[in-house]
Amino acid sequence: MTMIHPPPHPDPVPGFCRDCLAPARAEARRCHACGSPRLIRHAEIDTLTLAHVDCDAFYATVEKRDNPELADKPVIIGGGKRGVVSTCCYIARIHGVRSAMPMFKALDACPEAIVIRPDMEKYARVGREVRMMMEELTPLVQPISIDEAFLDLAGTEKLHKDTPARTLARFAARIEAEIGITLSVGLSYCKFLAKVASDLDKPRGFSVIGKQEALSFLAPRPVTLIWGVGKAFASTLERDGIRTIGQLQTMEETALMRSYGVMGKRLYHLARGEDERTVHPNEGAKSVSAETTFNSDLSDAEDLVPVLRRLSEKVSARLKASGIAGQTVVLKLKTPDFKSRTRNFKLEDPTMLADRIFRTGLHLLERELGQDRFRLIGIGVTDLTDAARADPPDLVDPAAARRAVAESAIDKVRQKFGRDIVETGYTFGKGREAAPQRDRDK
């Protein structure tokens, strides 16, 4: 007699509970161990190692952590009628508020929102705490901004006695328990798709995109999902009949490069989920800057200079907090007709001192005074490097050393008693009508 055996059942898709890490049983909707619905399954979840970690609505979440009365309220970080939204919580987003939206439009969309001015020093402190905990997982941490980073956990299985996916889930739970904020994780095999994955299920998300599904996942998505495809370039592609990534997948690399140059090469490879960039720990933010939108347009030095000084101090505080320095100082101005104007000056040596940033910015600003009124002013540094190379003794200006010592003393007093306890002659008095609207790491 011939025995006919039924075909073997395929192996269940591996997965686990994100709350208790118990294995996820096949087809179960809730964890059999703790009852949580936060189960995650994926055929490649045990082999993928590259992640993008992004804190959820970071500034707003920190403010809600520090003031529990805000927990169920819409919160906008920004300020001033002519300012813009730095970020907002998810409750405000439900009402249509978005980052970079003019404040008056945000308040029209959500008039009950609570508006809080940014506290960049506080956010930087929390960002450093998160970064230090990331670096306990792997030495391959590449910061992208104050609240997000790429991590490569390849080879860490023995250290953590677990897969990278489960290690990341445990990390997310630890951040929530110990720091009091939430984050979302995107896990994949390349940077492009890890970043895409981290945006799929916010807040408290954990999404996976594997190699097997990359083409089918990307095909129906709009071309704007690809890095570097903004509104203007998307319009160009649309004029050529290209709206989805799937259309790009059918095109030859040479044809795309012929039409769009170097960008065509990027379109070809990213449309196919091909991204060979690796995680480099020393590649973080490209610049550190702070800017202010005024309640009314300003043109006089007596109004602009105090604001420039305060912004320089903010940039300096963030550089010192991150242990980095910048060699090129960039001044940003915006006229009432929204035209931007940038001026920059490269220093002989990198700096993290507010005094040097301000004096260089002041030199650039003086050239622009008398020509226009301005609705915005900003100052920042680029060409970032480690702080160990910063601010050697200035043989040309001996007084610079005395100012550096004074600045260090002021920093210590402010750390102990708060930033408002000490003001310089530049920041005392005029310019207080200028409200900081948007401070950014870039």
Protein backbone atom coordinates (compact mmCIF):
# COMPACT_ATOMS: atom_id res chain seq x y z
CA MET A 1 0.00 0.00 0.00
CA THR A 2 1.31 3.40 -0.93
CA MET A 3 1.09 5.95 1.86
CA ILE A 4 0.27 9.47 0.76
CA HIS A 5 1.60 11.98 3.22
CA PRO A 6 0.20 15.51 3.35
CA PRO A 7 2.66 18.21 2.36
CA PRO A 8 4.61 19.58 5.32
CA HIS A 9 3.34 22.78 6.84
CA PRO A 10 5.58 25.72 6.02
CA ASP A 11 7.62 27.00 8.90
CA PRO A 12 5.76 29.71 10.80
CA VAL A 13 6.96 33.25 10.23
CA PRO A 14 9.28 34.15 13.13
CA GLY A 15 8.31 36.96 15.42
CA PHE A 16 7.90 38.08 19.01
CA CYS A 17 5.94 40.29 21.36
CA ARG A 18 7.43 43.77 21.55
CA ASP A 19 6.35 44.15 25.17
CA CYS A 20 7.52 40.89 26.79
CA LEU A 21 9.64 39.42 23.94
CA ALA A 22 7.81 36.07 24.09
CA PRO A 23 7.73 34.25 20.70
CA ALA A 24 4.72 35.17 18.59
CA ARG A 25 2.55 32.14 17.93
CA ALA A 26 1.36 31.58 14.37
CA GLU A 27 -1.80 33.54 13.50
CA ALA A 28 -2.20 34.82 17.08
CA ARG A 29 -3.41 38.40 17.40
CA ARG A 30 -2.25 38.82 20.97
CA CYS A 31 0.73 37.62 22.93
CA HIS A 32 0.01 34.32 24.69
CA ALA A 33 2.25 35.39 27.58
CA CYS A 34 1.19 38.97 28.37
CA GLY A 35 -1.86 39.62 26.20
CA SER A 36 -0.27 42.53 24.30
CA PRO A 37 -1.42 43.11 20.71
CA ARG A 38 2.04 44.46 19.78
CA LEU A 39 3.25 41.39 17.96
CA ILE A 40 5.72 41.62 15.10
CA ARG A 41 6.42 38.91 12.54
CA HIS A 42 8.63 38.88 9.48
CA ALA A 43 10.37 36.16 7.51
CA GLU A 44 13.73 37.96 7.75
CA ILE A 45 13.41 39.43 11.24
CA ASP A 46 16.13 37.21 12.72
CA THR A 47 18.75 38.11 10.08
CA LEU A 48 18.40 41.87 9.50
CA THR A 49 20.83 44.11 11.40
CA LEU A 50 20.62 47.70 10.12
CA ALA A 51 18.20 50.01 11.90
CA HIS A 52 17.00 53.59 11.91
CA VAL A 53 15.81 54.80 15.31
CA ASP A 54 13.73 57.97 15.50
CA CYS A 55 12.27 59.54 18.65
CA ASP A 56 8.55 60.27 18.31
CA ALA A 57 7.63 64.00 18.11
CA PHE A 58 10.76 64.51 20.20
CA TYR A 59 10.47 68.09 21.49
CA ALA A 60 6.75 67.76 22.23
CA THR A 61 7.20 64.36 23.90
CA VAL A 62 9.90 65.74 26.19
CA GLU A 63 7.62 68.62 27.20
CA LYS A 64 4.76 66.21 27.92
CA ARG A 65 7.09 64.04 29.97
CA ASP A 66 8.06 67.03 32.09
CA ASN A 67 4.48 68.27 32.47
CA PRO A 68 1.99 65.38 32.76
CA GLU A 69 -0.91 67.85 32.54
CA LEU A 70 -0.12 68.14 28.83
CA ALA A 71 -0.49 64.41 28.19
CA ASP A 72 -3.89 64.55 26.47
CA LYS A 73 -3.57 68.04 25.01
CA PRO A 74 -2.37 69.20 21.58
CA VAL A 75 1.11 70.69 21.95
CA ILE A 76 3.02 72.80 19.44
CA ILE A 77 6.68 73.65 19.85
CA GLY A 78 7.34 77.06 18.28
CA GLY A 79 6.03 80.50 19.02
CA GLY A 80 5.13 83.94 17.76
CA LYS A 81 2.44 84.80 15.23
CA ARG A 82 4.98 85.04 12.43
CA GLY A 83 6.94 82.00 13.44
CA VAL A 84 6.71 78.41 12.30
CA VAL A 85 6.05 75.07 13.97
CA SER A 86 9.27 73.35 15.05
CA THR A 87 7.35 70.17 15.84
CA CYS A 88 4.05 69.13 17.35
CA CYS A 89 2.56 66.16 19.15
CA TYR A 90 0.43 63.55 17.41
CA ILE A 91 -2.79 65.00 18.82
CA ALA A 92 -2.02 68.29 17.07
CA ARG A 93 -1.15 66.40 13.88
CA ILE A 94 -4.62 64.86 13.85
CA HIS A 95 -5.92 68.44 13.54
CA GLY A 96 -3.66 69.05 10.54
CA VAL A 97 -0.70 70.76 12.21
CA ARG A 98 2.66 69.96 10.60
CA SER A 99 6.32 70.85 11.16
CA ALA A 100 7.44 74.04 9.36
CA MET A 101 3.82 75.23 9.09
CA PRO A 102 3.37 78.97 9.74
CA MET A 103 2.19 79.42 13.30
CA PHE A 104 -0.95 81.34 12.35
CA LYS A 105 -2.07 78.46 10.12
CA ALA A 106 -1.29 75.93 12.85
CA LEU A 107 -3.44 77.84 15.35
CA ASP A 108 -6.23 78.17 12.81
CA ALA A 109 -6.16 74.39 12.40
CA CYS A 110 -5.91 73.72 16.14
CA PRO A 111 -6.88 76.82 18.16
CA GLU A 112 -6.87 74.88 21.45
CA ALA A 113 -3.20 73.93 21.05
CA ILE A 114 -0.73 74.80 23.79
CA VAL A 115 2.30 76.57 22.30
CA ILE A 116 5.67 76.10 24.01
CA ARG A 117 8.86 77.85 23.00
CA PRO A 118 11.76 75.48 22.23
CA ASP A 119 14.18 74.64 25.03
CA MET A 120 17.09 73.34 22.97
CA GLU A 121 19.38 72.79 25.93
CA LYS A 122 16.87 70.45 27.53
CA TYR A 123 16.27 68.59 24.27
CA ALA A 124 20.02 68.23 23.74
CA ARG A 125 20.42 66.73 27.23
CA VAL A 126 17.71 64.15 26.55
CA GLY A 127 19.17 63.46 23.10
CA ARG A 128 22.56 62.73 24.69
CA GLU A 129 20.96 60.29 27.12
CA VAL A 130 19.35 58.41 24.24
CA ARG A 131 22.61 58.47 22.27
CA MET A 132 24.59 56.99 25.15
CA MET A 133 22.11 54.15 25.44
CA MET A 134 22.36 53.54 21.68
CA GLU A 135 26.12 53.26 22.01
CA GLU A 136 25.66 50.52 24.62
CA LEU A 137 24.06 48.43 21.85
CA THR A 138 26.75 48.87 19.19
CA PRO A 139 29.74 51.12 18.40
CA LEU A 140 28.25 51.66 14.95
CA VAL A 141 25.88 54.55 15.72
CA GLN A 142 25.59 57.33 13.15
CA PRO A 143 23.59 60.31 14.46
CA ILE A 144 21.46 62.07 11.87
CA SER A 145 20.03 64.74 14.15
CA ILE A 146 19.40 65.38 17.82
CA ASP A 147 16.74 62.65 17.98
CA GLU A 148 17.52 60.04 15.31
CA ALA A 149 20.36 57.77 14.25
CA PHE A 150 21.32 54.75 12.18
CA LEU A 151 22.61 51.69 14.03
CA ASP A 152 24.30 48.60 12.67
CA LEU A 153 24.00 45.69 15.10
CA ALA A 154 25.78 43.10 12.95
CA GLY A 155 27.98 40.93 15.13
CA THR A 156 26.32 41.94 18.42
CA GLU A 157 24.35 38.73 18.89
CA LYS A 158 26.88 37.21 21.29
CA LEU A 159 27.20 40.43 23.27
CA HIS A 160 23.45 40.80 23.82
CA LYS A 161 22.66 37.07 23.64
CA ASP A 162 19.83 37.85 21.28
CA THR A 163 18.99 38.88 17.73
CA PRO A 164 19.34 42.54 16.68
CA ALA A 165 15.55 42.82 16.32
CA ARG A 166 14.84 41.68 19.87
CA THR A 167 17.72 43.80 21.19
CA LEU A 168 16.15 46.86 19.54
CA ALA A 169 12.72 46.05 21.00
CA ARG A 170 14.28 45.76 24.45
CA PHE A 171 16.08 49.07 23.85
CA ALA A 172 12.83 50.85 22.91
CA ALA A 173 11.17 49.60 26.08
CA ARG A 174 14.14 50.74 28.17
CA ILE A 175 14.05 54.26 26.67
CA GLU A 176 10.37 54.51 27.50
CA ALA A 177 10.85 53.26 31.06
CA GLU A 178 14.03 55.12 31.98
CA ILE A 179 13.89 58.36 29.95
CA GLY A 180 10.14 58.71 29.60
CA ILE A 181 9.88 59.24 25.84
CA THR A 182 8.99 56.92 22.97
CA LEU A 183 10.71 56.05 19.73
CA SER A 184 10.11 54.13 16.52
CA VAL A 185 12.41 51.54 14.95
CA GLY A 186 12.87 50.70 11.29
CA LEU A 187 14.79 47.49 10.61
CA SER A 188 16.10 46.52 7.18
CA TYR A 189 19.21 45.58 5.22
CA CYS A 190 20.10 49.11 4.02
CA LYS A 191 19.88 52.70 5.22
CA PHE A 192 17.26 53.83 2.72
CA LEU A 193 14.69 51.21 3.68
CA ALA A 194 15.51 51.35 7.40
CA LYS A 195 14.64 55.07 7.35
CA VAL A 196 11.47 54.39 5.36
CA ALA A 197 10.49 51.63 7.80
CA SER A 198 10.86 53.83 10.87
CA ASP A 199 8.19 56.19 9.50
CA LEU A 200 5.61 53.48 8.77
CA ASP A 201 4.01 52.97 12.16
CA LYS A 202 4.65 55.99 14.37
CA PRO A 203 4.46 56.47 17.30
CA ARG A 204 6.00 53.51 19.18
CA GLY A 205 6.46 51.74 15.89
CA PHE A 206 8.62 48.80 14.89
CA SER A 207 8.56 48.01 11.17
CA VAL A 208 10.63 45.65 9.05
CA ILE A 209 11.39 45.72 5.33
CA GLY A 210 13.36 42.75 4.03
CA LYS A 211 15.17 42.03 0.80
CA GLN A 212 12.55 39.64 -0.51
CA GLU A 213 9.79 42.24 -0.46
CA ALA A 214 11.77 45.39 -1.33
CA LEU A 215 10.72 45.65 -4.97
CA SER A 216 7.05 44.94 -4.34
CA PHE A 217 6.96 47.23 -1.31
CA LEU A 218 8.49 50.15 -3.22
CA ALA A 219 6.62 49.73 -6.52
CA PRO A 220 3.34 51.49 -5.61
CA ARG A 221 4.98 54.23 -3.54
CA PRO A 222 5.32 57.80 -4.84
CA VAL A 223 8.70 58.93 -6.14
CA THR A 224 8.87 61.46 -3.31
CA LEU A 225 9.73 58.56 -0.97
CA ILE A 226 13.23 58.58 -2.50
CA TRP A 227 15.80 60.81 -0.79
CA GLY A 228 16.44 63.94 -2.81
CA VAL A 229 13.10 63.95 -4.64
CA GLY A 230 11.43 67.12 -3.39
CA LYS A 231 8.44 68.96 -4.78
CA ALA A 232 10.33 70.59 -7.63
CA PHE A 233 12.00 67.41 -8.85
CA ALA A 234 8.79 65.43 -8.37
CA SER A 235 7.06 67.93 -10.68
CA THR A 236 9.79 67.35 -13.26
CA LEU A 237 9.32 63.60 -13.04
CA GLU A 238 5.55 63.98 -13.27
CA ARG A 239 5.89 66.03 -16.44
CA ASP A 240 7.82 63.07 -17.82
CA GLY A 241 5.01 60.74 -16.78
CA ILE A 242 6.78 59.25 -13.74
CA ARG A 243 4.78 59.21 -10.52
CA THR A 244 5.57 55.92 -8.81
CA ILE A 245 8.74 54.08 -7.90
CA GLY A 246 7.42 51.09 -9.84
CA GLN A 247 7.72 53.10 -13.05
CA LEU A 248 11.37 53.78 -12.24
CA GLN A 249 11.91 50.03 -11.72
CA THR A 250 11.09 49.44 -15.39
CA MET A 251 13.63 51.96 -16.70
CA GLU A 252 17.28 51.49 -17.62
CA GLU A 253 20.01 53.22 -15.60
CA THR A 254 21.52 54.83 -18.69
CA ALA A 255 18.16 56.31 -19.68
CA LEU A 256 17.60 57.77 -16.23
CA MET A 257 21.11 59.23 -16.13
CA ARG A 258 20.67 60.69 -19.59
CA SER A 259 17.51 62.48 -18.42
CA TYR A 260 18.44 63.38 -14.84
CA GLY A 261 22.22 63.16 -14.52
CA VAL A 262 23.67 61.88 -11.24
CA MET A 263 20.20 61.93 -9.70
CA GLY A 264 19.13 59.42 -12.33
CA LYS A 265 21.67 56.96 -10.96
CA ARG A 266 20.23 57.41 -7.46
CA LEU A 267 16.70 56.91 -8.78
CA TYR A 268 17.69 53.68 -10.49
CA HIS A 269 19.33 52.07 -7.47
CA LEU A 270 17.04 53.27 -4.67
CA ALA A 271 13.95 52.33 -6.68
CA ARG A 272 15.31 48.76 -6.51
CA GLY A 273 16.17 48.96 -2.82
CA GLU A 274 19.89 49.12 -3.57
CA ASP A 275 21.80 51.28 -1.10
CA GLU A 276 25.40 50.38 -0.28
CA ARG A 277 26.07 53.14 2.24
CA THR A 278 27.32 51.86 5.56
CA VAL A 279 26.92 53.21 9.09
CA HIS A 280 29.77 55.58 10.00
CA PRO A 281 29.86 56.67 13.66
CA ASN A 282 31.67 59.94 12.89
CA GLU A 283 29.10 61.09 10.32
CA GLY A 284 26.42 62.93 12.22
CA ALA A 285 24.78 66.29 11.73
CA LYS A 286 26.25 68.37 8.93
CA SER A 287 25.66 71.65 10.75
CA VAL A 288 24.35 73.13 13.98
CA SER A 289 22.27 76.29 13.77
CA ALA A 290 19.61 78.41 15.45
CA GLU A 291 17.32 80.99 13.89
CA THR A 292 14.61 83.45 14.87
CA THR A 293 11.59 84.85 13.06
CA PHE A 294 10.69 88.35 14.25
CA ASN A 295 7.23 89.62 15.16
CA SER A 296 7.95 92.62 12.91
CA ASP A 297 10.63 93.22 10.30
CA LEU A 298 13.88 94.68 11.69
CA SER A 299 16.81 96.49 10.10
CA ASP A 300 18.74 98.30 12.84
CA ALA A 301 21.91 96.93 14.40
CA GLU A 302 20.64 97.71 17.90
CA ASP A 303 17.74 95.29 17.28
CA LEU A 304 19.58 92.59 15.34
CA VAL A 305 22.87 92.34 17.24
CA PRO A 306 21.41 91.22 20.61
CA VAL A 307 19.43 88.51 18.83
CA LEU A 308 22.52 87.37 16.94
CA ARG A 309 24.39 87.10 20.25
CA ARG A 310 21.68 84.99 21.87
CA LEU A 311 21.50 82.69 18.89
CA SER A 312 25.29 82.32 18.91
CA GLU A 313 25.11 81.27 22.55
CA LYS A 314 22.50 78.65 21.71
CA VAL A 315 24.63 77.22 18.92
CA SER A 316 27.67 77.22 21.19
CA ALA A 317 25.77 75.44 23.98
CA ARG A 318 24.71 72.69 21.61
CA LEU A 319 28.23 72.29 20.23
CA LYS A 320 29.68 72.02 23.73
CA ALA A 321 26.98 69.58 24.78
CA SER A 322 27.74 67.35 21.79
CA GLY A 323 31.53 67.63 22.03
CA ILE A 324 31.88 69.01 18.49
CA ALA A 325 33.07 72.21 16.83
CA GLY A 326 32.55 73.93 13.49
CA GLN A 327 35.02 75.69 11.23
CA THR A 328 32.67 77.63 8.93
CA VAL A 329 30.28 80.21 10.39
CA VAL A 330 27.07 80.75 8.38
CA LEU A 331 24.79 83.78 8.71
CA LYS A 332 21.23 83.42 7.42
CA LEU A 333 18.86 86.30 6.73
CA LYS A 334 15.38 86.37 5.22
CA THR A 335 13.74 89.47 3.77
CA PRO A 336 10.03 90.34 4.06
CA ASP A 337 9.41 88.80 0.62
CA PHE A 338 10.77 85.46 1.96
CA LYS A 339 14.00 85.60 -0.03
CA SER A 340 16.85 83.93 1.86
CA ARG A 341 20.36 85.30 2.00
CA THR A 342 23.32 83.33 3.41
CA ARG A 343 26.85 84.50 4.08
CA ASN A 344 29.68 82.35 5.41
CA PHE A 345 33.24 82.66 6.64
CA LYS A 346 35.72 79.85 7.21
CA LEU A 347 37.82 80.19 10.36
CA GLU A 348 41.46 79.21 10.67
CA ASP A 349 40.52 76.65 13.34
CA PRO A 350 37.24 75.02 14.43
CA THR A 351 35.34 76.70 17.24
CA MET A 352 32.70 75.90 19.81
CA LEU A 353 32.84 79.33 21.50
CA ALA A 354 29.86 81.67 21.41
CA ASP A 355 32.28 84.61 21.30
CA ARG A 356 33.95 83.52 18.06
CA ILE A 357 30.68 82.48 16.42
CA PHE A 358 29.08 85.79 17.33
CA ARG A 359 31.99 88.02 16.30
CA THR A 360 32.28 86.25 12.96
CA GLY A 361 28.53 86.46 12.42
CA LEU A 362 28.56 90.14 13.39
CA HIS A 363 31.26 90.81 10.78
CA LEU A 364 29.03 89.18 8.16
CA LEU A 365 25.91 90.99 9.37
CA GLU A 366 27.51 94.44 9.26
CA ARG A 367 27.95 94.07 5.51
CA GLU A 368 24.20 93.57 5.09
CA LEU A 369 22.93 96.38 7.31
CA GLY A 370 21.36 99.37 5.60
CA GLN A 371 20.21 97.40 2.57
CA ASP A 372 17.03 95.66 3.71
CA ARG A 373 14.72 94.86 6.55
CA PHE A 374 14.69 91.28 7.80
CA ARG A 375 11.97 88.97 9.06
CA LEU A 376 14.44 86.25 10.11
CA ILE A 377 18.02 85.93 11.26
CA GLY A 378 19.99 82.77 11.92
CA ILE A 379 23.54 81.74 12.76
CA GLY A 380 25.20 78.35 12.56
CA VAL A 381 28.38 76.42 11.91
CA THR A 382 29.30 73.74 9.38
CA ASP A 383 32.44 71.67 8.69
CA LEU A 384 31.91 69.90 12.01
CA THR A 385 34.74 68.11 13.76
CA ASP A 386 35.70 66.78 17.17
CA ALA A 387 36.01 69.43 19.89
CA ALA A 388 39.59 68.34 20.62
CA ARG A 389 40.71 70.46 17.66
CA ALA A 390 38.75 73.54 18.67
CA ASP A 391 39.91 76.99 19.70
CA PRO A 392 43.71 76.91 20.04
CA PRO A 393 45.31 80.05 21.56
CA ASP A 394 44.80 83.13 19.38
CA LEU A 395 48.18 84.83 18.91
CA VAL A 396 46.66 87.66 16.85
CA ASP A 397 44.01 88.58 19.41
CA PRO A 398 45.32 88.00 22.97
CA ALA A 399 42.03 89.29 24.39
CA ALA A 400 40.28 86.26 22.87
CA ALA A 401 41.82 84.05 25.55
CA ARG A 402 40.38 86.24 28.30
CA ARG A 403 36.96 86.17 26.64
CA ALA A 404 37.16 82.37 26.38
CA VAL A 405 37.92 82.10 30.11
CA ALA A 406 35.01 84.42 30.89
CA GLU A 407 32.70 82.38 28.67
CA SER A 408 33.71 79.19 30.47
CA ALA A 409 32.91 80.82 33.81
CA ILE A 410 29.52 81.97 32.52
CA ASP A 411 28.79 78.45 31.27
CA LYS A 412 29.42 77.03 34.74
CA VAL A 413 27.15 79.58 36.40
CA ARG A 414 24.39 78.93 33.87
CA GLN A 415 24.67 75.17 34.30
CA LYS A 416 24.12 75.62 38.01
CA PHE A 417 21.50 78.39 38.09
CA GLY A 418 19.96 78.50 34.58
CA ARG A 419 20.69 80.39 31.39
CA ASP A 420 18.85 83.57 32.37
CA ILE A 421 21.02 84.17 35.45
CA VAL A 422 23.80 85.78 33.36
CA GLU A 423 23.51 88.04 30.33
CA THR A 424 26.21 89.71 28.28
CA GLY A 425 26.19 93.36 27.36
CA TYR A 426 25.03 92.39 23.89
CA THR A 427 21.94 90.48 25.02
CA PHE A 428 20.82 92.79 27.80
CA GLY A 429 18.10 95.20 26.74
CA LYS A 430 16.97 95.55 23.15
CA GLY A 431 16.02 92.75 20.82
CA ARG A 432 13.70 91.01 23.30
CA GLU A 433 10.77 91.34 20.94
CA ALA A 434 12.43 88.72 18.76
CA ALA A 435 11.04 85.31 19.57
CA PRO A 436 13.05 82.18 18.74
CA GLN A 437 10.91 80.08 16.45
CA ARG A 438 13.04 77.32 15.05
CA ASP A 439 16.28 75.87 16.38
CA ARG A 440 17.62 72.98 14.39
CA ASP A 441 20.34 70.41 14.11
CA LYS A 442 21.02 69.74 10.47
